[in-house]
Amino acid sequence: MDLGQLEDVAKMNKIDNSDVQTHLQILQQIISRMAGNSASCKTWCITLVSALLAAGFLSKSNSKVYLIAVLPLFLFAYLDSFYLAFEREFRKQYNKIVEKYVKGADISKDVYKIKGISGVKNKIISVRSAFKSWSVWPFYLSALLVIILAVIFLQPSPVVP
């Protein structure tokens, strides 16, 4: 679709083309922020789990210290899935507006609304679906395996008098 056709579509929609572009930019910024937050979750998770494993190794106490590292792992896995679920929702909104705009449908009611996932049930379903993503579960499963291996192989050696 060329620029002239886009202007014709904008006139049919009774909405300024710059308003649509601004709205799409806002959605894209939100999507980028959610992706950045997801990456930060992974970074912080590795940092905290590594620190807790190191603390457990240096303390030379029993293996229960290592199991504390599982807590941030699960918390960050949930948070990462939460951000991915919202990122997907905003991508749907973005694509829906672009699709409607290109078809020439009325988007005046959609342009000025940004909505997240509504309802607790929908949030749970979305987060669960996001956890099943290839960008989430392999990362946290491998981190869990590292913790398990640490518990097994980094047992403190007995002190010999």
N, C-alpha and C. Protein backbone atom coordinates (compact mmCIF):
# COMPACT_ATOMS: atom_id res chain seq x y z
N MET A 1 0.85 -1.17 0.00
CA MET A 1 0.00 0.00 0.00
C MET A 1 0.90 1.23 0.00
N ASP A 2 0.64 2.15 -0.91
CA ASP A 2 1.47 3.34 -0.99
C ASP A 2 0.94 4.44 -0.08
N LEU A 3 1.69 5.54 0.00
CA LEU A 3 1.36 6.63 0.91
C LEU A 3 0.00 7.24 0.60
N GLY A 4 -0.32 7.38 -0.68
CA GLY A 4 -1.61 7.94 -1.06
C GLY A 4 -2.77 7.10 -0.57
N GLN A 5 -2.62 5.78 -0.69
CA GLN A 5 -3.67 4.89 -0.22
C GLN A 5 -3.80 4.95 1.30
N LEU A 6 -2.66 5.06 2.00
CA LEU A 6 -2.72 5.19 3.46
C LEU A 6 -3.44 6.45 3.88
N GLU A 7 -3.21 7.54 3.15
CA GLU A 7 -3.91 8.79 3.46
C GLU A 7 -5.41 8.66 3.21
N ASP A 8 -5.79 7.93 2.13
CA ASP A 8 -7.20 7.70 1.86
C ASP A 8 -7.84 6.87 2.98
N VAL A 9 -7.10 5.85 3.45
CA VAL A 9 -7.59 5.03 4.55
C VAL A 9 -7.75 5.88 5.80
N ALA A 10 -6.79 6.76 6.05
CA ALA A 10 -6.85 7.63 7.22
C ALA A 10 -8.07 8.54 7.15
N LYS A 11 -8.38 9.06 5.97
CA LYS A 11 -9.56 9.92 5.82
C LYS A 11 -10.83 9.12 6.08
N MET A 12 -10.86 7.87 5.59
CA MET A 12 -12.04 7.02 5.81
C MET A 12 -12.21 6.73 7.30
N ASN A 13 -11.10 6.59 8.01
CA ASN A 13 -11.15 6.29 9.43
C ASN A 13 -11.44 7.54 10.27
N LYS A 14 -11.43 8.70 9.64
CA LYS A 14 -11.65 9.95 10.35
C LYS A 14 -10.64 10.12 11.48
N ILE A 15 -9.41 9.73 11.21
CA ILE A 15 -8.38 9.82 12.22
C ILE A 15 -7.08 10.24 11.53
N ASP A 16 -6.31 11.02 12.21
CA ASP A 16 -5.07 11.53 11.65
C ASP A 16 -4.02 10.42 11.59
N ASN A 17 -3.32 10.34 10.48
CA ASN A 17 -2.29 9.33 10.28
C ASN A 17 -1.21 9.41 11.37
N SER A 18 -0.88 10.61 11.81
CA SER A 18 0.14 10.76 12.86
C SER A 18 -0.35 10.19 14.19
N ASP A 19 -1.66 10.22 14.42
CA ASP A 19 -2.20 9.62 15.65
C ASP A 19 -2.00 8.11 15.64
N VAL A 20 -2.22 7.52 14.49
CA VAL A 20 -2.03 6.07 14.37
C VAL A 20 -0.56 5.73 14.56
N GLN A 21 0.31 6.49 13.93
CA GLN A 21 1.74 6.25 14.06
C GLN A 21 2.19 6.41 15.51
N THR A 22 1.71 7.43 16.18
CA THR A 22 2.07 7.66 17.58
C THR A 22 1.60 6.51 18.45
N HIS A 23 0.37 6.07 18.22
CA HIS A 23 -0.17 4.96 18.99
C HIS A 23 0.65 3.69 18.77
N LEU A 24 1.01 3.42 17.52
CA LEU A 24 1.82 2.24 17.22
C LEU A 24 3.21 2.36 17.84
N GLN A 25 3.77 3.56 17.87
CA GLN A 25 5.06 3.76 18.51
C GLN A 25 4.98 3.50 20.01
N ILE A 26 3.89 3.94 20.63
CA ILE A 26 3.71 3.69 22.05
C ILE A 26 3.63 2.19 22.31
N LEU A 27 2.85 1.48 21.50
CA LEU A 27 2.75 0.03 21.67
C LEU A 27 4.11 -0.64 21.46
N GLN A 28 4.85 -0.18 20.45
CA GLN A 28 6.17 -0.76 20.20
C GLN A 28 7.13 -0.49 21.36
N GLN A 29 7.04 0.67 21.98
CA GLN A 29 7.87 0.96 23.14
C GLN A 29 7.52 0.05 24.31
N ILE A 30 6.24 -0.21 24.49
CA ILE A 30 5.81 -1.11 25.57
C ILE A 30 6.33 -2.52 25.29
N ILE A 31 6.21 -2.96 24.05
CA ILE A 31 6.69 -4.29 23.67
C ILE A 31 8.19 -4.39 23.92
N SER A 32 8.93 -3.36 23.53
CA SER A 32 10.38 -3.36 23.75
C SER A 32 10.72 -3.39 25.23
N ARG A 33 9.96 -2.65 26.03
CA ARG A 33 10.20 -2.63 27.47
C ARG A 33 9.95 -4.01 28.08
N MET A 34 8.87 -4.67 27.65
CA MET A 34 8.57 -6.01 28.17
C MET A 34 9.67 -7.00 27.78
N ALA A 35 10.18 -6.90 26.56
CA ALA A 35 11.27 -7.78 26.12
C ALA A 35 12.53 -7.50 26.93
N GLY A 36 12.80 -6.23 27.20
CA GLY A 36 13.96 -5.87 28.02
C GLY A 36 13.82 -6.37 29.45
N ASN A 37 12.62 -6.27 30.00
CA ASN A 37 12.38 -6.78 31.36
C ASN A 37 12.57 -8.30 31.41
N SER A 38 12.14 -8.97 30.36
CA SER A 38 12.31 -10.42 30.29
C SER A 38 13.79 -10.79 30.28
N ALA A 39 14.57 -10.07 29.51
CA ALA A 39 16.02 -10.31 29.47
C ALA A 39 16.65 -10.00 30.83
N SER A 40 16.19 -8.96 31.48
CA SER A 40 16.71 -8.62 32.82
C SER A 40 16.40 -9.71 33.83
N CYS A 41 15.23 -10.33 33.70
CA CYS A 41 14.89 -11.44 34.60
C CYS A 41 15.92 -12.56 34.49
N LYS A 42 16.29 -12.88 33.27
CA LYS A 42 17.27 -13.95 33.07
C LYS A 42 18.63 -13.55 33.64
N THR A 43 19.01 -12.30 33.42
CA THR A 43 20.30 -11.82 33.93
C THR A 43 20.34 -11.86 35.45
N TRP A 44 19.31 -11.33 36.08
CA TRP A 44 19.27 -11.32 37.55
C TRP A 44 19.17 -12.73 38.12
N CYS A 45 18.45 -13.59 37.44
CA CYS A 45 18.32 -14.96 37.92
C CYS A 45 19.68 -15.65 37.95
N ILE A 46 20.41 -15.54 36.86
CA ILE A 46 21.75 -16.16 36.81
C ILE A 46 22.65 -15.57 37.88
N THR A 47 22.59 -14.27 38.06
CA THR A 47 23.43 -13.61 39.06
C THR A 47 23.11 -14.11 40.47
N LEU A 48 21.84 -14.11 40.82
CA LEU A 48 21.45 -14.53 42.18
C LEU A 48 21.70 -16.02 42.42
N VAL A 49 21.35 -16.83 41.45
CA VAL A 49 21.56 -18.28 41.62
C VAL A 49 23.05 -18.57 41.74
N SER A 50 23.87 -17.94 40.91
CA SER A 50 25.32 -18.15 41.00
C SER A 50 25.86 -17.71 42.36
N ALA A 51 25.41 -16.56 42.83
CA ALA A 51 25.87 -16.07 44.14
C ALA A 51 25.45 -17.01 45.26
N LEU A 52 24.23 -17.51 45.20
CA LEU A 52 23.77 -18.43 46.25
C LEU A 52 24.51 -19.76 46.19
N LEU A 53 24.79 -20.24 44.99
CA LEU A 53 25.56 -21.48 44.87
C LEU A 53 26.98 -21.28 45.39
N ALA A 54 27.57 -20.15 45.07
CA ALA A 54 28.92 -19.85 45.57
C ALA A 54 28.92 -19.72 47.09
N ALA A 55 27.92 -19.05 47.62
CA ALA A 55 27.81 -18.91 49.08
C ALA A 55 27.66 -20.27 49.74
N GLY A 56 26.87 -21.14 49.12
CA GLY A 56 26.69 -22.49 49.66
C GLY A 56 27.98 -23.29 49.62
N PHE A 57 28.74 -23.13 48.56
CA PHE A 57 30.02 -23.84 48.44
C PHE A 57 31.04 -23.31 49.44
N LEU A 58 31.09 -22.00 49.59
CA LEU A 58 32.08 -21.41 50.50
C LEU A 58 31.74 -21.62 51.97
N SER A 59 30.45 -21.76 52.27
CA SER A 59 30.06 -21.93 53.67
C SER A 59 30.36 -23.33 54.18
N LYS A 60 30.58 -24.26 53.26
CA LYS A 60 30.90 -25.65 53.60
C LYS A 60 29.89 -26.25 54.58
N SER A 61 28.65 -25.85 54.40
CA SER A 61 27.59 -26.41 55.24
C SER A 61 26.88 -27.51 54.46
N ASN A 62 25.75 -27.92 54.94
CA ASN A 62 25.05 -29.00 54.26
C ASN A 62 24.42 -28.52 52.95
N SER A 63 23.92 -29.44 52.19
CA SER A 63 23.42 -29.14 50.84
C SER A 63 22.12 -28.35 50.83
N LYS A 64 21.51 -28.15 51.99
CA LYS A 64 20.26 -27.39 52.03
C LYS A 64 20.47 -25.93 51.65
N VAL A 65 21.65 -25.42 51.81
CA VAL A 65 21.95 -24.05 51.43
C VAL A 65 21.78 -23.88 49.92
N TYR A 66 22.14 -24.92 49.17
CA TYR A 66 22.01 -24.84 47.72
C TYR A 66 20.54 -24.75 47.29
N LEU A 67 19.70 -25.37 48.07
CA LEU A 67 18.28 -25.39 47.69
C LEU A 67 17.63 -24.02 47.80
N ILE A 68 18.25 -23.11 48.55
CA ILE A 68 17.73 -21.74 48.62
C ILE A 68 17.78 -21.09 47.24
N ALA A 69 18.70 -21.53 46.40
CA ALA A 69 18.84 -20.97 45.05
C ALA A 69 17.63 -21.28 44.18
N VAL A 70 16.83 -22.25 44.57
CA VAL A 70 15.65 -22.59 43.77
C VAL A 70 14.58 -21.49 43.88
N LEU A 71 14.51 -20.82 45.01
CA LEU A 71 13.48 -19.79 45.21
C LEU A 71 13.58 -18.66 44.17
N PRO A 72 14.73 -18.01 44.01
CA PRO A 72 14.78 -16.97 42.98
C PRO A 72 14.57 -17.52 41.58
N LEU A 73 14.96 -18.77 41.37
CA LEU A 73 14.76 -19.39 40.06
C LEU A 73 13.27 -19.42 39.71
N PHE A 74 12.44 -19.89 40.63
CA PHE A 74 11.01 -19.95 40.37
C PHE A 74 10.38 -18.56 40.29
N LEU A 75 10.83 -17.66 41.14
CA LEU A 75 10.28 -16.30 41.10
C LEU A 75 10.59 -15.60 39.77
N PHE A 76 11.82 -15.72 39.31
CA PHE A 76 12.18 -15.09 38.05
C PHE A 76 11.53 -15.80 36.86
N ALA A 77 11.33 -17.10 36.95
CA ALA A 77 10.65 -17.83 35.87
C ALA A 77 9.21 -17.32 35.73
N TYR A 78 8.54 -17.11 36.88
CA TYR A 78 7.19 -16.56 36.83
C TYR A 78 7.20 -15.14 36.26
N LEU A 79 8.09 -14.32 36.75
CA LEU A 79 8.15 -12.93 36.30
C LEU A 79 8.48 -12.85 34.80
N ASP A 80 9.39 -13.66 34.35
CA ASP A 80 9.75 -13.71 32.93
C ASP A 80 8.53 -14.12 32.10
N SER A 81 7.80 -15.12 32.54
CA SER A 81 6.60 -15.57 31.84
C SER A 81 5.53 -14.48 31.83
N PHE A 82 5.43 -13.76 32.94
CA PHE A 82 4.48 -12.66 33.05
C PHE A 82 4.78 -11.57 32.02
N TYR A 83 6.05 -11.19 31.92
CA TYR A 83 6.44 -10.17 30.94
C TYR A 83 6.20 -10.65 29.51
N LEU A 84 6.51 -11.90 29.24
CA LEU A 84 6.30 -12.44 27.90
C LEU A 84 4.82 -12.48 27.57
N ALA A 85 3.98 -12.82 28.53
CA ALA A 85 2.53 -12.84 28.29
C ALA A 85 2.02 -11.46 27.92
N PHE A 86 2.49 -10.44 28.64
CA PHE A 86 2.06 -9.08 28.32
C PHE A 86 2.65 -8.61 26.99
N GLU A 87 3.88 -9.00 26.71
CA GLU A 87 4.47 -8.65 25.42
C GLU A 87 3.64 -9.23 24.28
N ARG A 88 3.20 -10.47 24.42
CA ARG A 88 2.35 -11.10 23.39
C ARG A 88 1.02 -10.36 23.25
N GLU A 89 0.44 -9.96 24.37
CA GLU A 89 -0.84 -9.24 24.32
C GLU A 89 -0.69 -7.92 23.58
N PHE A 90 0.37 -7.19 23.86
CA PHE A 90 0.57 -5.91 23.18
C PHE A 90 0.91 -6.10 21.71
N ARG A 91 1.57 -7.20 21.36
CA ARG A 91 1.83 -7.50 19.95
C ARG A 91 0.51 -7.77 19.22
N LYS A 92 -0.40 -8.48 19.89
CA LYS A 92 -1.72 -8.72 19.29
C LYS A 92 -2.43 -7.40 19.02
N GLN A 93 -2.40 -6.50 19.99
CA GLN A 93 -3.04 -5.19 19.81
C GLN A 93 -2.41 -4.44 18.64
N TYR A 94 -1.10 -4.45 18.58
CA TYR A 94 -0.37 -3.77 17.51
C TYR A 94 -0.79 -4.33 16.15
N ASN A 95 -0.74 -5.66 16.04
CA ASN A 95 -1.10 -6.30 14.77
C ASN A 95 -2.55 -6.07 14.40
N LYS A 96 -3.43 -6.08 15.38
CA LYS A 96 -4.85 -5.86 15.14
C LYS A 96 -5.10 -4.47 14.57
N ILE A 97 -4.44 -3.47 15.14
CA ILE A 97 -4.62 -2.09 14.66
C ILE A 97 -4.06 -1.93 13.25
N VAL A 98 -2.89 -2.49 13.01
CA VAL A 98 -2.29 -2.39 11.67
C VAL A 98 -3.19 -3.08 10.65
N GLU A 99 -3.68 -4.27 10.99
CA GLU A 99 -4.54 -5.02 10.07
C GLU A 99 -5.82 -4.25 9.76
N LYS A 100 -6.45 -3.71 10.79
CA LYS A 100 -7.67 -2.93 10.59
C LYS A 100 -7.39 -1.68 9.75
N TYR A 101 -6.27 -1.05 10.04
CA TYR A 101 -5.91 0.19 9.34
C TYR A 101 -5.71 -0.07 7.86
N VAL A 102 -5.00 -1.15 7.54
CA VAL A 102 -4.72 -1.47 6.15
C VAL A 102 -6.01 -1.85 5.42
N LYS A 103 -6.92 -2.53 6.10
CA LYS A 103 -8.19 -2.92 5.48
C LYS A 103 -9.15 -1.74 5.32
N GLY A 104 -8.86 -0.66 6.01
CA GLY A 104 -9.73 0.51 5.94
C GLY A 104 -10.87 0.47 6.94
N ALA A 105 -10.80 -0.43 7.90
CA ALA A 105 -11.84 -0.53 8.93
C ALA A 105 -11.72 0.63 9.90
N ASP A 106 -12.79 0.89 10.63
CA ASP A 106 -12.80 1.98 11.60
C ASP A 106 -11.94 1.61 12.80
N ILE A 107 -10.91 2.39 13.04
CA ILE A 107 -10.01 2.12 14.17
C ILE A 107 -10.03 3.25 15.20
N SER A 108 -10.97 4.16 15.03
CA SER A 108 -11.00 5.32 15.94
C SER A 108 -11.19 4.91 17.39
N LYS A 109 -11.88 3.80 17.64
CA LYS A 109 -12.09 3.33 19.01
C LYS A 109 -10.89 2.58 19.55
N ASP A 110 -10.04 2.06 18.65
CA ASP A 110 -8.89 1.27 19.07
C ASP A 110 -7.64 2.10 19.31
N VAL A 111 -7.52 3.21 18.60
CA VAL A 111 -6.26 3.96 18.61
C VAL A 111 -5.93 4.54 19.96
N TYR A 112 -6.87 4.98 20.69
CA TYR A 112 -6.57 5.66 21.94
C TYR A 112 -6.71 4.76 23.17
N LYS A 113 -6.69 3.45 22.95
CA LYS A 113 -6.83 2.51 24.06
C LYS A 113 -5.63 1.57 24.09
N ILE A 114 -5.06 1.44 25.26
CA ILE A 114 -4.01 0.44 25.50
C ILE A 114 -4.48 -0.37 26.69
N LYS A 115 -4.67 -1.65 26.45
CA LYS A 115 -5.20 -2.49 27.53
C LYS A 115 -4.33 -3.72 27.70
N GLY A 116 -4.20 -4.12 28.94
CA GLY A 116 -3.43 -5.32 29.25
C GLY A 116 -4.33 -6.53 29.22
N ILE A 117 -3.90 -7.59 29.86
CA ILE A 117 -4.68 -8.81 29.93
C ILE A 117 -5.71 -8.64 31.04
N SER A 118 -6.98 -8.80 30.70
CA SER A 118 -8.02 -8.59 31.71
C SER A 118 -8.47 -9.92 32.30
N GLY A 119 -8.78 -9.90 33.56
CA GLY A 119 -9.28 -11.09 34.25
C GLY A 119 -8.16 -11.97 34.78
N VAL A 120 -8.35 -12.46 35.98
CA VAL A 120 -7.35 -13.31 36.63
C VAL A 120 -7.16 -14.61 35.86
N LYS A 121 -8.27 -15.20 35.42
CA LYS A 121 -8.19 -16.46 34.69
C LYS A 121 -7.40 -16.30 33.39
N ASN A 122 -7.65 -15.23 32.67
CA ASN A 122 -6.92 -14.97 31.43
C ASN A 122 -5.44 -14.73 31.69
N LYS A 123 -5.12 -14.05 32.80
CA LYS A 123 -3.71 -13.82 33.15
C LYS A 123 -3.01 -15.13 33.45
N ILE A 124 -3.67 -16.00 34.20
CA ILE A 124 -3.08 -17.29 34.54
C ILE A 124 -2.84 -18.12 33.28
N ILE A 125 -3.83 -18.15 32.40
CA ILE A 125 -3.70 -18.90 31.15
C ILE A 125 -2.58 -18.31 30.29
N SER A 126 -2.50 -16.99 30.22
CA SER A 126 -1.47 -16.33 29.41
C SER A 126 -0.08 -16.57 29.96
N VAL A 127 0.07 -16.49 31.27
CA VAL A 127 1.38 -16.71 31.89
C VAL A 127 1.80 -18.17 31.72
N ARG A 128 0.85 -19.08 31.89
CA ARG A 128 1.16 -20.51 31.70
C ARG A 128 1.59 -20.78 30.26
N SER A 129 0.88 -20.19 29.33
CA SER A 129 1.23 -20.34 27.92
C SER A 129 2.61 -19.74 27.62
N ALA A 130 2.89 -18.59 28.22
CA ALA A 130 4.19 -17.95 28.01
C ALA A 130 5.32 -18.79 28.61
N PHE A 131 5.06 -19.47 29.72
CA PHE A 131 6.09 -20.31 30.33
C PHE A 131 6.49 -21.45 29.41
N LYS A 132 5.55 -21.90 28.59
CA LYS A 132 5.82 -23.00 27.67
C LYS A 132 6.64 -22.56 26.45
N SER A 133 6.92 -21.27 26.38
CA SER A 133 7.68 -20.73 25.26
C SER A 133 9.12 -21.22 25.27
N TRP A 134 9.71 -21.30 24.08
CA TRP A 134 11.10 -21.70 23.96
C TRP A 134 12.06 -20.66 24.54
N SER A 135 11.58 -19.48 24.77
CA SER A 135 12.46 -18.46 25.35
C SER A 135 12.43 -18.48 26.88
N VAL A 136 11.58 -19.32 27.47
CA VAL A 136 11.46 -19.33 28.94
C VAL A 136 11.87 -20.68 29.53
N TRP A 137 11.12 -21.73 29.25
CA TRP A 137 11.33 -22.97 29.99
C TRP A 137 12.70 -23.60 29.80
N PRO A 138 13.32 -23.59 28.61
CA PRO A 138 14.65 -24.22 28.53
C PRO A 138 15.69 -23.52 29.40
N PHE A 139 15.58 -22.21 29.48
CA PHE A 139 16.53 -21.44 30.29
C PHE A 139 16.42 -21.82 31.76
N TYR A 140 15.19 -21.79 32.28
CA TYR A 140 15.01 -22.06 33.71
C TYR A 140 15.16 -23.54 34.05
N LEU A 141 14.84 -24.42 33.12
CA LEU A 141 15.07 -25.84 33.35
C LEU A 141 16.57 -26.13 33.43
N SER A 142 17.33 -25.52 32.54
CA SER A 142 18.79 -25.74 32.60
C SER A 142 19.38 -25.15 33.88
N ALA A 143 18.87 -24.02 34.35
CA ALA A 143 19.34 -23.45 35.61
C ALA A 143 18.98 -24.37 36.78
N LEU A 144 17.80 -24.97 36.73
CA LEU A 144 17.40 -25.92 37.77
C LEU A 144 18.32 -27.15 37.76
N LEU A 145 18.67 -27.60 36.58
CA LEU A 145 19.59 -28.74 36.48
C LEU A 145 20.96 -28.40 37.06
N VAL A 146 21.41 -27.18 36.86
CA VAL A 146 22.69 -26.75 37.45
C VAL A 146 22.61 -26.78 38.97
N ILE A 147 21.50 -26.33 39.51
CA ILE A 147 21.32 -26.35 40.98
C ILE A 147 21.33 -27.80 41.48
N ILE A 148 20.62 -28.67 40.78
CA ILE A 148 20.58 -30.08 41.19
C ILE A 148 21.98 -30.70 41.13
N LEU A 149 22.70 -30.41 40.07
CA LEU A 149 24.07 -30.92 39.96
C LEU A 149 24.97 -30.36 41.06
N ALA A 150 24.74 -29.12 41.42
CA ALA A 150 25.53 -28.51 42.51
C ALA A 150 25.23 -29.21 43.82
N VAL A 151 23.97 -29.53 44.05
CA VAL A 151 23.59 -30.23 45.28
C VAL A 151 24.26 -31.60 45.33
N ILE A 152 24.31 -32.26 44.18
CA ILE A 152 24.87 -33.61 44.14
C ILE A 152 26.40 -33.61 44.23
N PHE A 153 27.04 -32.75 43.43
CA PHE A 153 28.50 -32.85 43.30
C PHE A 153 29.29 -31.86 44.15
N LEU A 154 28.68 -30.84 44.66
CA LEU A 154 29.42 -29.87 45.47
C LEU A 154 29.17 -30.06 46.95
N GLN A 155 29.02 -31.30 47.36
CA GLN A 155 28.86 -31.59 48.78
C GLN A 155 30.14 -31.22 49.50
N PRO A 156 30.03 -30.61 50.66
CA PRO A 156 31.25 -30.28 51.40
C PRO A 156 31.96 -31.58 51.83
N SER A 157 33.25 -31.55 51.70
CA SER A 157 34.02 -32.73 52.10
C SER A 157 34.10 -32.78 53.62
N PRO A 158 34.10 -33.98 54.17
CA PRO A 158 34.17 -34.08 55.63
C PRO A 158 35.52 -33.60 56.15
N VAL A 159 35.45 -32.96 57.30
CA VAL A 159 36.65 -32.44 57.92
C VAL A 159 37.40 -33.57 58.61
N VAL A 160 38.66 -33.73 58.24
CA VAL A 160 39.49 -34.78 58.81
C VAL A 160 40.33 -34.16 59.94
N PRO A 161 40.23 -34.73 61.18
CA PRO A 161 40.99 -34.14 62.29
C PRO A 161 42.47 -34.35 62.19
